[in-house]
Amino acid sequence: MFTSFRQSMAWLHTWFGLALGYVLMACFFFGALSVFDREIDRWALPETRFAPQPMPSFDKVLLPAFARLEADPADYALNMPALHDAAKGPQTPRQELPPDEYWAYTTHRDPVLAIGAGFRVPQPKDPGLENHIHANATIDPRSGAAVPSDQLKIGSQWFYPMHYSLNWPWQNMGIFTVGLAGLVMLVALVSGVIMHRKFFREFFTFRPQKQPQRSLLDLHNLTGVVALPFHFFFAFTGLLIFAGFYYFPVSQFQLKPLHDQHEIIEARETGLPHQRAGIPAPLASVDAMMAEAKRRWAARDMAGEVGFLQLHHLGDANGYVSIYRAGSDRVALVGEAIHFKASSGEVLREEPPRAAVPALNEFLTGLHLQHFEHWLLRWLYVLGGLLGCACIATGFIFFVEKRKRQHAAAGSQGARIVDALAVGCVTGMVIAAVGMLVANRLLPSGLSGKGEWEQQIFWGLWLLAFVHAALRGAPVAQARINPAWREQCWAIAALALAAVLLNWLSTGDHLLQTIILEPYWAVAGVDLSLLAAAGLATLAARRLARREQHALLSPSAAPETEVVHA
């Protein structure tokens, strides 16, 4: 079938990349946006535009907020029908289910605080076993007031999960699809390196004045080679992070008895109780425990704030409190945990330094999730993600440019279909993301289910972009450029400018305000990025218009004679 190994690698690179490149495009683009997911949240939720806050007082702020949490109604209805007692009249999940755990999490970029609770669900057939249903909320750490739950955190609750799950939760199909795409990406990277023997030469080669095929291939190779370590690392660590939870969940299923026994042994070795004792006990001051934890960290020359707080076995003699140091000054997310007896505040365990394998796992996970405080490196992450988008997009366009004349002569629609999918995936995806921000500023803040509306608008705009690309794709079947590229670039420019303007009109936070008068770089950064997107989209649209005009003026231009291999 193939005359050489390189030819087989070229076939593998081309068709594997084409088959799942659309998924990888979404992973790279929304992964780049996820680097600043908290900042996008601040832009989308004006009531959260205040300075990042440390972990607040547990006794005065968090405990009352936890007391207001109710179990998720869907989980409650699923787990509790056998326990509901109609004779008691209307009851809330909080009255029927005792809380077993509380947790709170914050970072150096979070003005608001994420909290949650786990409620015990006894099993009537086996009283010794318990399940949990959960409640999650976001609060203002200054007062404990809840942030409305129907307002969507567009950055952390939509763009961020989009890059690893496609926001397709059914049977975790989105996560599995992204995992398959990640494997294909590793194959494409290896096969691409094998294809391009002149690897270092292509690192410095870009000829924009050459024929479209040549300049596209140069740009495809350049963006692929420059960010090759970045692309390989993120594909590999992304697969590694989800391997134990979704792709090979042997500990939760095939090896569950062994996993449960390991937890019991670990509890015995660490002194942290694995199960409740069944003896009621009060809760000592958690504020005092946090103060003691910070004192101990400072004594070890690693002074810091509390990043993660968790209470286990609430109201029980075996209850304990785990306090983790925030990880803004290192790659690992959280660490240096200190565990206290909940009823007395006595220190039960101070975590020793990690062994080599767990430390490596934490390092790789932290490097992928990048919650550390290093702004230059974060922007390099964004650049790497956008280079990945450029590499995939130029691959799509090169595929079409190389074949559209041949397909036009044969009357085939193959190039037109691939081009329409590429338009919808590349520019259509940006339209959906920016259009979602426009919808966020247009919809009233008090609108019930506002987050649901924003999500539907996102999917609607993206679908509309695909339909538009397909309807406008007839010129591709005639070996010309699809005008949808140009038109959707103009749409991106218009939407990006509208988002900046609407942010100003709806909140008063214009760039002069957020950069000079009262600097707030989270909002200013989003506005500046939108203006940059508008500028780039305008340049692209104007250049595409010139190319279309040139093609119309010289319709009988001969096909490119330069031989280009992919």
Protein backbone atom coordinates (compact mmCIF):
# COMPACT_ATOMS: atom_id res chain seq x y z
CA MET A 1 0.00 0.00 0.00
CA PHE A 2 2.85 2.41 0.89
CA THR A 3 6.24 2.55 -0.79
CA SER A 4 8.02 3.82 2.33
CA PHE A 5 7.66 4.13 6.08
CA ARG A 6 7.45 7.92 5.75
CA GLN A 7 4.50 7.60 3.40
CA SER A 8 2.67 5.44 5.93
CA MET A 9 3.38 8.03 8.62
CA ALA A 10 2.08 10.78 6.31
CA TRP A 11 -1.16 8.85 5.78
CA LEU A 12 -1.49 8.28 9.53
CA HIS A 13 -0.78 11.94 10.31
CA THR A 14 -3.23 13.25 7.71
CA TRP A 15 -6.25 11.06 8.37
CA PHE A 16 -5.93 10.70 12.12
CA GLY A 17 -5.51 14.47 12.36
CA LEU A 18 -8.49 15.11 10.12
CA ALA A 19 -10.73 12.65 11.96
CA LEU A 20 -10.22 14.06 15.46
CA GLY A 21 -8.61 17.42 14.77
CA TYR A 22 -11.98 19.09 15.33
CA VAL A 23 -12.03 17.82 18.91
CA LEU A 24 -8.41 18.81 19.47
CA MET A 25 -9.17 22.30 18.17
CA ALA A 26 -11.76 22.74 20.92
CA CYS A 27 -9.35 21.29 23.52
CA PHE A 28 -6.58 23.75 22.59
CA PHE A 29 -8.79 26.82 22.25
CA PHE A 30 -10.78 26.36 25.43
CA GLY A 31 -7.66 25.13 27.21
CA ALA A 32 -6.03 28.47 26.34
CA LEU A 33 -9.06 30.33 27.70
CA SER A 34 -8.99 28.16 30.83
CA VAL A 35 -5.59 29.57 31.79
CA PHE A 36 -7.51 32.70 32.82
CA ASP A 37 -10.82 31.06 33.72
CA ARG A 38 -11.11 32.94 37.04
CA GLU A 39 -10.51 36.26 35.31
CA ILE A 40 -13.25 35.48 32.78
CA ASP A 41 -15.53 34.67 35.75
CA ARG A 42 -14.90 38.16 37.15
CA TRP A 43 -15.81 39.69 33.80
CA ALA A 44 -19.00 37.62 33.55
CA LEU A 45 -20.09 38.19 37.17
CA PRO A 46 -19.67 41.91 37.96
CA GLU A 47 -20.77 41.43 41.58
CA THR A 48 -17.58 39.39 42.15
CA ARG A 49 -15.22 42.13 40.95
CA PHE A 50 -13.29 42.72 44.16
CA ALA A 51 -9.85 41.80 45.40
CA PRO A 52 -8.94 38.11 45.89
CA GLN A 53 -9.57 37.04 49.47
CA PRO A 54 -7.78 34.61 51.79
CA MET A 55 -9.65 31.79 53.49
CA PRO A 56 -12.09 33.56 55.84
CA SER A 57 -12.93 32.77 59.46
CA PHE A 58 -14.53 29.34 59.71
CA ASP A 59 -16.28 30.01 63.00
CA LYS A 60 -17.82 33.36 61.95
CA VAL A 61 -18.25 33.13 58.16
CA LEU A 62 -18.00 29.57 56.87
CA LEU A 63 -19.95 27.65 59.51
CA PRO A 64 -23.17 29.71 59.03
CA ALA A 65 -22.77 29.32 55.24
CA PHE A 66 -22.38 25.55 55.59
CA ALA A 67 -25.48 25.42 57.79
CA ARG A 68 -27.53 26.88 54.92
CA LEU A 69 -26.40 24.32 52.34
CA GLU A 70 -29.02 21.90 51.07
CA ALA A 71 -28.35 18.65 49.23
CA ASP A 72 -28.76 18.76 45.47
CA PRO A 73 -32.50 18.11 44.79
CA ALA A 74 -31.81 15.67 41.95
CA ASP A 75 -29.44 13.58 44.08
CA TYR A 76 -31.85 13.80 46.98
CA ALA A 77 -34.79 12.53 44.93
CA LEU A 78 -32.67 9.70 43.54
CA ASN A 79 -31.26 8.50 46.86
CA MET A 80 -34.01 9.25 49.35
CA PRO A 81 -37.40 7.89 48.14
CA ALA A 82 -37.25 4.90 50.46
CA LEU A 83 -36.50 7.11 53.47
CA HIS A 84 -39.07 9.84 52.89
CA ASP A 85 -41.71 9.83 55.61
CA ALA A 86 -44.90 11.52 54.43
CA ALA A 87 -46.24 11.58 58.01
CA LYS A 88 -43.59 14.15 58.95
CA GLY A 89 -44.87 16.61 56.38
CA PRO A 90 -42.61 18.74 54.15
CA GLN A 91 -38.96 18.39 55.10
CA THR A 92 -35.73 19.60 53.60
CA PRO A 93 -32.78 17.28 52.86
CA ARG A 94 -30.87 19.14 55.57
CA GLN A 95 -33.42 18.02 58.20
CA GLU A 96 -33.42 14.41 57.09
CA LEU A 97 -29.75 13.90 56.25
CA PRO A 98 -26.92 14.65 58.68
CA PRO A 99 -23.84 16.33 57.13
CA ASP A 100 -20.74 14.17 57.19
CA GLU A 101 -18.17 16.49 55.63
CA TYR A 102 -17.56 20.13 54.75
CA TRP A 103 -14.93 21.59 52.42
CA ALA A 104 -13.81 25.02 51.18
CA TYR A 105 -11.34 25.90 48.42
CA THR A 106 -9.76 29.12 47.20
CA THR A 107 -6.74 30.32 45.22
CA HIS A 108 -4.77 33.54 44.92
CA ARG A 109 -6.98 34.48 41.92
CA ASP A 110 -10.37 33.86 43.58
CA PRO A 111 -12.30 36.73 45.17
CA VAL A 112 -15.17 34.30 45.83
CA LEU A 113 -14.98 31.01 47.71
CA ALA A 114 -16.15 27.54 46.61
CA ILE A 115 -17.69 25.46 49.40
CA GLY A 116 -19.42 22.10 49.58
CA ALA A 117 -20.91 19.52 51.90
CA GLY A 118 -21.47 15.78 51.85
CA PHE A 119 -24.61 14.33 53.48
CA ARG A 120 -24.82 10.79 54.78
CA VAL A 121 -27.42 8.54 53.16
CA PRO A 122 -27.94 5.39 55.25
CA GLN A 123 -28.72 2.17 53.43
CA PRO A 124 -31.84 0.46 54.88
CA LYS A 125 -30.71 -2.99 53.74
CA ASP A 126 -27.25 -2.59 55.27
CA PRO A 127 -27.09 0.00 58.10
CA GLY A 128 -23.31 -0.35 58.20
CA LEU A 129 -22.99 1.19 54.74
CA GLU A 130 -23.55 4.82 53.75
CA ASN A 131 -23.57 6.77 50.52
CA HIS A 132 -23.17 10.50 50.14
CA ILE A 133 -25.05 13.15 48.25
CA HIS A 134 -23.52 16.56 47.90
CA ALA A 135 -24.20 20.27 47.93
CA ASN A 136 -22.00 22.92 46.35
CA ALA A 137 -22.15 26.69 46.48
CA THR A 138 -20.11 29.86 45.94
CA ILE A 139 -20.04 32.56 48.59
CA ASP A 140 -18.62 36.01 49.14
CA PRO A 141 -15.89 35.33 51.75
CA ARG A 142 -16.26 38.82 53.19
CA SER A 143 -19.83 38.24 54.36
CA GLY A 144 -20.72 34.60 53.69
CA ALA A 145 -23.52 35.66 51.33
CA ALA A 146 -24.22 33.20 48.53
CA VAL A 147 -23.51 34.09 44.90
CA PRO A 148 -26.71 33.28 42.92
CA SER A 149 -26.45 29.68 41.76
CA ASP A 150 -28.19 30.25 38.42
CA GLN A 151 -25.50 32.69 37.26
CA LEU A 152 -22.90 30.80 35.26
CA LYS A 153 -19.18 31.18 35.91
CA ILE A 154 -18.41 31.19 32.21
CA GLY A 155 -14.66 30.74 32.67
CA SER A 156 -14.44 28.00 35.28
CA GLN A 157 -17.81 26.29 34.76
CA TRP A 158 -18.07 26.38 30.96
CA PHE A 159 -14.83 27.15 29.09
CA TYR A 160 -12.68 25.13 31.51
CA PRO A 161 -14.68 21.86 31.41
CA MET A 162 -15.16 22.35 27.66
CA HIS A 163 -11.47 21.66 27.05
CA TYR A 164 -11.51 18.22 28.68
CA SER A 165 -15.16 17.07 28.43
CA LEU A 166 -16.73 19.08 25.57
CA ASN A 167 -19.48 19.78 28.15
CA TRP A 168 -20.99 16.45 27.11
CA PRO A 169 -21.72 14.75 30.45
CA TRP A 170 -23.83 11.81 29.24
CA GLN A 171 -22.01 8.63 30.33
CA ASN A 172 -18.81 10.74 30.41
CA MET A 173 -18.75 10.52 26.63
CA GLY A 174 -17.10 13.93 26.31
CA ILE A 175 -14.19 12.88 28.53
CA PHE A 176 -13.74 9.62 26.61
CA THR A 177 -13.87 11.45 23.26
CA VAL A 178 -11.22 13.92 24.41
CA GLY A 179 -9.12 11.02 25.73
CA LEU A 180 -9.25 9.33 22.33
CA ALA A 181 -8.34 12.62 20.67
CA GLY A 182 -5.40 12.96 23.08
CA LEU A 183 -4.08 9.55 22.04
CA VAL A 184 -4.50 10.45 18.39
CA MET A 185 -2.63 13.68 19.03
CA LEU A 186 0.35 11.79 20.42
CA VAL A 187 0.30 9.59 17.30
CA ALA A 188 0.05 12.68 15.08
CA LEU A 189 2.99 14.34 16.84
CA VAL A 190 5.23 11.29 16.50
CA SER A 191 4.23 10.67 12.87
CA GLY A 192 4.70 14.37 12.09
CA VAL A 193 8.26 14.33 13.43
CA ILE A 194 9.02 11.21 11.33
CA MET A 195 7.52 12.84 8.22
CA HIS A 196 9.62 15.98 8.45
CA ARG A 197 13.22 14.95 8.16
CA LYS A 198 14.44 18.55 7.94
CA PHE A 199 13.12 19.21 11.43
CA PHE A 200 15.39 22.09 12.50
CA ARG A 201 15.25 23.77 9.10
CA GLU A 202 11.46 23.90 9.31
CA PHE A 203 11.76 25.46 12.75
CA PHE A 204 12.93 28.67 11.02
CA THR A 205 11.06 28.42 7.70
CA PHE A 206 7.99 30.49 6.83
CA ARG A 207 7.38 31.82 3.31
CA PRO A 208 4.14 33.86 3.37
CA GLN A 209 4.64 35.16 -0.20
CA LYS A 210 4.73 31.67 -1.71
CA GLN A 211 1.72 29.84 -3.14
CA PRO A 212 -1.05 29.17 -0.56
CA GLN A 213 -0.18 25.50 -0.23
CA ARG A 214 3.47 26.21 0.48
CA SER A 215 2.87 29.03 2.98
CA LEU A 216 0.15 27.02 4.75
CA LEU A 217 2.41 24.00 5.09
CA ASP A 218 5.24 26.21 6.34
CA LEU A 219 2.96 27.72 9.00
CA HIS A 220 1.60 24.28 9.94
CA ASN A 221 5.14 22.92 10.37
CA LEU A 222 6.39 26.02 12.19
CA THR A 223 3.58 26.12 14.75
CA GLY A 224 3.85 22.37 15.25
CA VAL A 225 7.62 22.38 15.76
CA VAL A 226 7.87 25.50 17.94
CA ALA A 227 5.30 24.22 20.45
CA LEU A 228 6.06 20.50 20.06
CA PRO A 229 7.19 19.97 23.70
CA PHE A 230 4.14 21.89 24.94
CA HIS A 231 1.72 19.88 22.80
CA PHE A 232 3.26 16.54 23.75
CA PHE A 233 3.37 17.39 27.45
CA PHE A 234 -0.25 18.51 27.65
CA ALA A 235 -1.60 15.58 25.68
CA PHE A 236 0.36 13.16 27.86
CA THR A 237 -0.45 14.73 31.24
CA GLY A 238 -4.10 15.20 30.28
CA LEU A 239 -4.36 11.46 29.66
CA LEU A 240 -2.42 10.78 32.87
CA ILE A 241 -4.73 12.91 35.03
CA PHE A 242 -7.89 11.09 33.90
CA ALA A 243 -6.41 7.61 33.52
CA GLY A 244 -7.15 6.42 37.06
CA PHE A 245 -10.60 8.01 37.30
CA TYR A 246 -12.16 7.35 33.89
CA TYR A 247 -10.00 5.47 31.40
CA PHE A 248 -8.73 2.66 33.65
CA PRO A 249 -10.80 2.86 36.87
CA VAL A 250 -9.61 -0.46 38.24
CA SER A 251 -9.40 0.76 41.85
CA GLN A 252 -13.09 1.75 41.88
CA PHE A 253 -14.35 -1.40 40.18
CA GLN A 254 -12.17 -4.46 39.53
CA LEU A 255 -9.92 -3.82 42.53
CA LYS A 256 -12.44 -2.14 44.81
CA PRO A 257 -12.06 -4.64 47.72
CA LEU A 258 -8.29 -4.13 47.60
CA HIS A 259 -8.79 -0.36 47.38
CA ASP A 260 -11.08 -0.37 50.44
CA GLN A 261 -8.62 -2.48 52.40
CA HIS A 262 -5.81 -0.10 51.48
CA GLU A 263 -7.82 2.81 52.87
CA ILE A 264 -8.25 0.96 56.18
CA ILE A 265 -4.52 0.20 56.40
CA GLU A 266 -3.64 3.77 55.48
CA ALA A 267 -5.97 5.11 58.18
CA ARG A 268 -4.31 2.88 60.73
CA GLU A 269 -0.82 4.03 59.71
CA THR A 270 -1.64 7.74 59.57
CA GLY A 271 -3.88 7.84 62.62
CA LEU A 272 -6.70 9.47 60.61
CA PRO A 273 -9.97 7.60 61.30
CA HIS A 274 -11.46 5.80 58.32
CA GLN A 275 -14.99 5.50 59.72
CA ARG A 276 -17.24 7.22 62.20
CA ALA A 277 -17.13 6.03 65.81
CA GLY A 278 -20.85 6.53 66.36
CA ILE A 279 -20.16 8.69 69.45
CA PRO A 280 -21.32 12.33 69.28
CA ALA A 281 -18.65 14.98 69.83
CA PRO A 282 -18.52 18.81 69.59
CA LEU A 283 -16.47 20.82 67.11
CA ALA A 284 -13.59 22.88 68.50
CA SER A 285 -12.57 26.23 67.00
CA VAL A 286 -11.42 25.63 63.44
CA ASP A 287 -10.03 29.19 63.37
CA ALA A 288 -7.56 28.17 66.08
CA MET A 289 -6.57 25.13 64.00
CA MET A 290 -5.97 27.31 60.93
CA ALA A 291 -3.84 29.69 62.99
CA GLU A 292 -1.80 26.76 64.32
CA ALA A 293 -1.34 25.37 60.79
CA LYS A 294 -0.04 28.73 59.53
CA ARG A 295 2.29 28.97 62.53
CA ARG A 296 3.74 25.53 61.76
CA TRP A 297 4.20 26.36 58.06
CA ALA A 298 6.02 29.56 58.97
CA ALA A 299 8.27 27.61 61.36
CA ARG A 300 9.21 25.36 58.41
CA ASP A 301 10.11 28.47 56.34
CA MET A 302 7.08 28.10 54.06
CA ALA A 303 4.67 30.72 55.34
CA GLY A 304 1.39 30.78 53.43
CA GLU A 305 -2.37 30.94 53.47
CA VAL A 306 -4.90 28.14 53.73
CA GLY A 307 -5.91 26.93 50.28
CA PHE A 308 -8.10 23.93 51.05
CA LEU A 309 -10.02 23.07 54.20
CA GLN A 310 -11.93 19.83 54.81
CA LEU A 311 -13.84 18.52 57.83
CA HIS A 312 -14.39 14.75 58.03
CA HIS A 313 -16.95 12.78 60.11
CA LEU A 314 -18.77 15.86 61.39
CA GLY A 315 -20.20 15.67 64.91
CA ASP A 316 -18.44 12.38 65.64
CA ALA A 317 -15.65 11.46 68.04
CA ASN A 318 -13.59 10.31 65.04
CA GLY A 319 -14.01 13.66 63.29
CA TYR A 320 -10.90 15.44 62.10
CA VAL A 321 -9.99 18.62 60.18
CA SER A 322 -7.53 18.66 57.26
CA ILE A 323 -5.89 21.99 56.42
CA TYR A 324 -3.79 22.36 53.25
CA ARG A 325 -1.46 25.19 52.37
CA ALA A 326 -2.28 27.14 49.19
CA GLY A 327 0.01 26.32 46.29
CA SER A 328 0.42 29.69 44.58
CA ASP A 329 4.21 29.67 45.10
CA ARG A 330 4.89 26.24 43.57
CA VAL A 331 3.67 23.90 40.86
CA ALA A 332 1.79 21.37 43.02
CA LEU A 333 -1.77 22.52 43.73
CA VAL A 334 -1.98 22.17 47.51
CA GLY A 335 0.23 20.51 50.08
CA GLU A 336 1.83 20.52 53.54
CA ALA A 337 -1.40 19.17 55.03
CA ILE A 338 -1.87 19.26 58.81
CA HIS A 339 -4.69 17.21 60.35
CA PHE A 340 -6.37 18.10 63.67
CA LYS A 341 -8.76 16.24 65.93
CA ALA A 342 -12.08 18.02 65.39
CA SER A 343 -13.30 17.82 68.99
CA SER A 344 -10.12 19.16 70.64
CA GLY A 345 -7.87 20.80 68.03
CA GLU A 346 -5.06 18.37 68.83
CA VAL A 347 -2.63 17.79 65.96
CA LEU A 348 -3.09 14.22 64.69
CA ARG A 349 -0.67 14.27 61.79
CA GLU A 350 1.62 16.62 59.89
CA GLU A 351 2.20 15.32 56.37
CA PRO A 352 5.85 14.43 55.66
CA PRO A 353 7.46 15.26 52.30
CA ARG A 354 6.04 13.20 49.45
CA ALA A 355 7.82 10.13 48.12
CA ALA A 356 9.26 10.37 44.61
CA VAL A 357 6.33 8.88 42.66
CA PRO A 358 3.49 10.82 44.38
CA ALA A 359 5.60 14.00 44.22
CA LEU A 360 6.14 13.52 40.48
CA ASN A 361 2.42 12.91 39.98
CA GLU A 362 1.54 16.10 41.90
CA PHE A 363 4.13 18.06 39.93
CA LEU A 364 2.84 16.92 36.53
CA THR A 365 -0.77 17.51 37.57
CA GLY A 366 0.04 20.97 38.90
CA LEU A 367 2.02 21.84 35.79
CA HIS A 368 -0.97 20.93 33.63
CA LEU A 369 -3.54 22.77 35.78
CA GLN A 370 -1.23 25.78 36.38
CA HIS A 371 -2.76 27.31 39.49
CA PHE A 372 0.61 28.80 40.44
CA GLU A 373 1.31 32.54 40.62
CA HIS A 374 3.50 33.21 37.60
CA TRP A 375 1.87 35.54 35.06
CA LEU A 376 4.53 35.29 32.34
CA LEU A 377 4.36 31.50 32.37
CA ARG A 378 0.57 31.63 32.25
CA TRP A 379 0.71 33.76 29.10
CA LEU A 380 3.16 31.28 27.60
CA TYR A 381 0.53 28.60 28.25
CA VAL A 382 -1.98 30.71 26.33
CA LEU A 383 0.51 31.12 23.48
CA GLY A 384 1.12 27.37 23.38
CA GLY A 385 -2.61 26.67 23.22
CA LEU A 386 -3.14 29.19 20.41
CA LEU A 387 -0.16 27.75 18.50
CA GLY A 388 -1.90 24.38 18.75
CA CYS A 389 -5.05 25.95 17.28
CA ALA A 390 -3.00 27.50 14.46
CA CYS A 391 -1.30 24.18 13.73
CA ILE A 392 -4.62 22.32 13.47
CA ALA A 393 -6.41 25.08 11.54
CA THR A 394 -3.62 25.32 8.93
CA GLY A 395 -3.71 21.54 8.65
CA PHE A 396 -7.40 21.67 7.78
CA ILE A 397 -6.95 24.47 5.25
CA PHE A 398 -3.92 22.78 3.67
CA PHE A 399 -5.95 19.58 3.26
CA VAL A 400 -8.63 21.54 1.36
CA GLU A 401 -6.20 23.64 -0.71
CA LYS A 402 -4.29 20.56 -1.83
CA ARG A 403 -7.40 18.71 -3.00
CA LYS A 404 -10.03 21.25 -4.01
CA ARG A 405 -8.95 21.58 -7.66
CA GLN A 406 -8.86 17.83 -8.06
CA HIS A 407 -12.25 17.47 -6.35
CA ALA A 408 -13.73 20.28 -8.45
CA ALA A 409 -12.58 18.60 -11.67
CA ALA A 410 -14.05 15.28 -10.52
CA GLY A 411 -17.30 16.82 -9.26
CA SER A 412 -16.57 15.60 -5.71
CA GLN A 413 -17.93 17.39 -2.64
CA GLY A 414 -15.19 16.12 -0.31
CA ALA A 415 -13.19 19.35 -0.11
CA ARG A 416 -16.36 21.38 0.38
CA ILE A 417 -17.46 19.22 3.33
CA VAL A 418 -14.07 19.35 5.03
CA ASP A 419 -13.87 23.11 4.47
CA ALA A 420 -17.34 23.71 5.96
CA LEU A 421 -16.42 21.64 9.02
CA ALA A 422 -13.16 23.57 9.35
CA VAL A 423 -14.93 26.94 9.15
CA GLY A 424 -17.48 25.91 11.78
CA CYS A 425 -14.80 24.46 14.03
CA VAL A 426 -12.28 27.32 13.76
CA THR A 427 -14.12 30.63 13.37
CA GLY A 428 -17.47 29.20 14.49
CA MET A 429 -16.00 28.16 17.82
CA VAL A 430 -14.69 31.67 18.44
CA ILE A 431 -18.07 33.14 17.49
CA ALA A 432 -19.78 30.87 20.02
CA ALA A 433 -17.35 31.81 22.81
CA VAL A 434 -17.42 35.57 22.20
CA GLY A 435 -21.16 35.51 21.53
CA MET A 436 -21.64 33.89 24.93
CA LEU A 437 -19.90 36.87 26.54
CA VAL A 438 -22.13 39.25 24.58
CA ALA A 439 -25.21 37.34 25.79
CA ASN A 440 -23.88 37.53 29.34
CA ARG A 441 -23.90 41.32 29.21
CA LEU A 442 -27.20 41.59 27.31
CA LEU A 443 -29.29 39.27 29.52
CA PRO A 444 -30.57 40.88 32.75
CA SER A 445 -28.59 39.82 35.82
CA GLY A 446 -31.82 38.92 37.64
CA LEU A 447 -33.11 36.68 34.85
CA SER A 448 -34.11 33.28 36.22
CA GLY A 449 -31.91 30.55 34.76
CA LYS A 450 -29.57 33.05 33.14
CA GLY A 451 -26.76 30.50 32.98
CA GLU A 452 -28.96 28.08 31.04
CA TRP A 453 -29.79 30.81 28.53
CA GLU A 454 -26.10 31.55 28.04
CA GLN A 455 -25.33 27.89 27.41
CA GLN A 456 -28.13 27.56 24.85
CA ILE A 457 -26.94 30.70 23.07
CA PHE A 458 -23.42 29.25 22.93
CA TRP A 459 -24.59 26.03 21.26
CA GLY A 460 -27.02 27.91 19.03
CA LEU A 461 -24.34 30.26 17.69
CA TRP A 462 -21.94 27.40 17.09
CA LEU A 463 -24.58 25.40 15.20
CA LEU A 464 -25.49 28.49 13.19
CA ALA A 465 -21.82 28.92 12.22
CA PHE A 466 -21.69 25.35 10.87
CA VAL A 467 -24.92 25.87 8.90
CA HIS A 468 -23.64 29.16 7.50
CA ALA A 469 -20.34 27.56 6.44
CA ALA A 470 -22.17 24.71 4.69
CA LEU A 471 -24.60 27.03 2.86
CA ARG A 472 -21.81 29.36 1.70
CA GLY A 473 -19.44 26.58 0.64
CA ALA A 474 -20.42 26.29 -3.05
CA PRO A 475 -17.28 28.18 -4.25
CA VAL A 476 -15.06 25.46 -2.75
CA ALA A 477 -16.59 22.96 -5.19
CA GLN A 478 -15.34 25.34 -7.90
CA ALA A 479 -11.81 25.43 -6.43
CA ARG A 480 -12.33 28.88 -4.88
CA ILE A 481 -12.39 30.23 -1.31
CA ASN A 482 -15.41 29.76 0.93
CA PRO A 483 -16.66 33.32 1.71
CA ALA A 484 -17.82 32.03 5.11
CA TRP A 485 -14.23 32.39 6.36
CA ARG A 486 -14.30 36.13 5.68
CA GLU A 487 -17.86 36.65 6.88
CA GLN A 488 -17.32 34.83 10.15
CA CYS A 489 -14.12 36.80 10.77
CA TRP A 490 -16.18 39.97 10.48
CA ALA A 491 -18.72 38.46 12.88
CA ILE A 492 -15.95 37.76 15.41
CA ALA A 493 -14.70 41.34 15.16
CA ALA A 494 -18.20 42.76 15.62
CA LEU A 495 -19.05 40.50 18.57
CA ALA A 496 -15.73 41.17 20.32
CA LEU A 497 -16.19 44.93 20.05
CA ALA A 498 -19.80 44.59 21.20
CA ALA A 499 -18.70 42.59 24.28
CA VAL A 500 -16.24 45.33 25.33
CA LEU A 501 -18.81 48.07 24.73
CA LEU A 502 -21.58 46.21 26.59
CA ASN A 503 -19.28 45.59 29.56
CA TRP A 504 -18.70 49.35 29.73
CA LEU A 505 -22.38 50.24 29.39
CA SER A 506 -23.66 47.62 31.85
CA THR A 507 -21.04 47.97 34.59
CA GLY A 508 -19.19 51.25 34.00
CA ASP A 509 -15.89 49.35 33.91
CA HIS A 510 -14.29 50.78 30.77
CA LEU A 511 -10.58 50.32 30.08
CA LEU A 512 -9.61 53.75 31.43
CA GLN A 513 -11.29 52.74 34.70
CA THR A 514 -9.85 49.20 34.97
CA ILE A 515 -6.31 50.13 33.89
CA ILE A 516 -5.66 53.60 35.35
CA LEU A 517 -8.34 54.95 37.69
CA GLU A 518 -9.06 51.78 39.70
CA PRO A 519 -6.84 49.05 38.25
CA TYR A 520 -8.57 45.67 38.03
CA TRP A 521 -6.55 43.59 35.62
CA ALA A 522 -8.88 40.60 35.58
CA VAL A 523 -11.53 42.63 33.74
CA ALA A 524 -9.08 44.80 31.81
CA GLY A 525 -7.27 41.70 30.54
CA VAL A 526 -10.48 40.20 29.14
CA ASP A 527 -11.41 43.49 27.45
CA LEU A 528 -7.93 43.87 25.95
CA SER A 529 -7.99 40.27 24.73
CA LEU A 530 -11.35 40.87 23.08
CA LEU A 531 -9.99 43.98 21.35
CA ALA A 532 -6.96 41.98 20.17
CA ALA A 533 -9.29 39.28 18.82
CA ALA A 534 -11.31 41.96 17.00
CA GLY A 535 -8.15 43.38 15.45
CA LEU A 536 -6.82 40.00 14.29
CA ALA A 537 -10.22 39.01 12.92
CA THR A 538 -10.43 42.29 10.99
CA LEU A 539 -6.96 41.78 9.47
CA ALA A 540 -7.86 38.21 8.51
CA ALA A 541 -11.16 39.30 6.95
CA ARG A 542 -9.48 42.03 4.87
CA ARG A 543 -6.78 39.65 3.64
CA LEU A 544 -9.37 37.02 2.74
CA ALA A 545 -11.35 39.65 0.85
CA ARG A 546 -8.25 40.53 -1.20
CA ARG A 547 -7.65 36.86 -2.00
CA GLU A 548 -11.24 36.40 -3.08
CA GLN A 549 -11.02 39.52 -5.27
CA HIS A 550 -7.78 38.30 -6.84
CA ALA A 551 -9.36 34.91 -7.58
CA LEU A 552 -12.34 36.59 -9.28
CA LEU A 553 -10.10 38.80 -11.42
CA SER A 554 -8.01 35.84 -12.61
CA PRO A 555 -10.44 32.88 -12.68
CA SER A 556 -8.38 31.01 -15.24
CA ALA A 557 -5.20 31.09 -13.19
CA ALA A 558 -3.21 27.93 -13.64
CA PRO A 559 -2.98 25.50 -10.75
CA GLU A 560 0.06 25.78 -8.57
CA THR A 561 2.99 24.00 -10.15
CA GLU A 562 5.06 23.70 -7.00
CA VAL A 563 4.98 20.19 -5.61
CA VAL A 564 4.12 20.18 -1.94
CA HIS A 565 4.18 17.02 0.16
CA ALA A 566 2.20 16.60 3.37
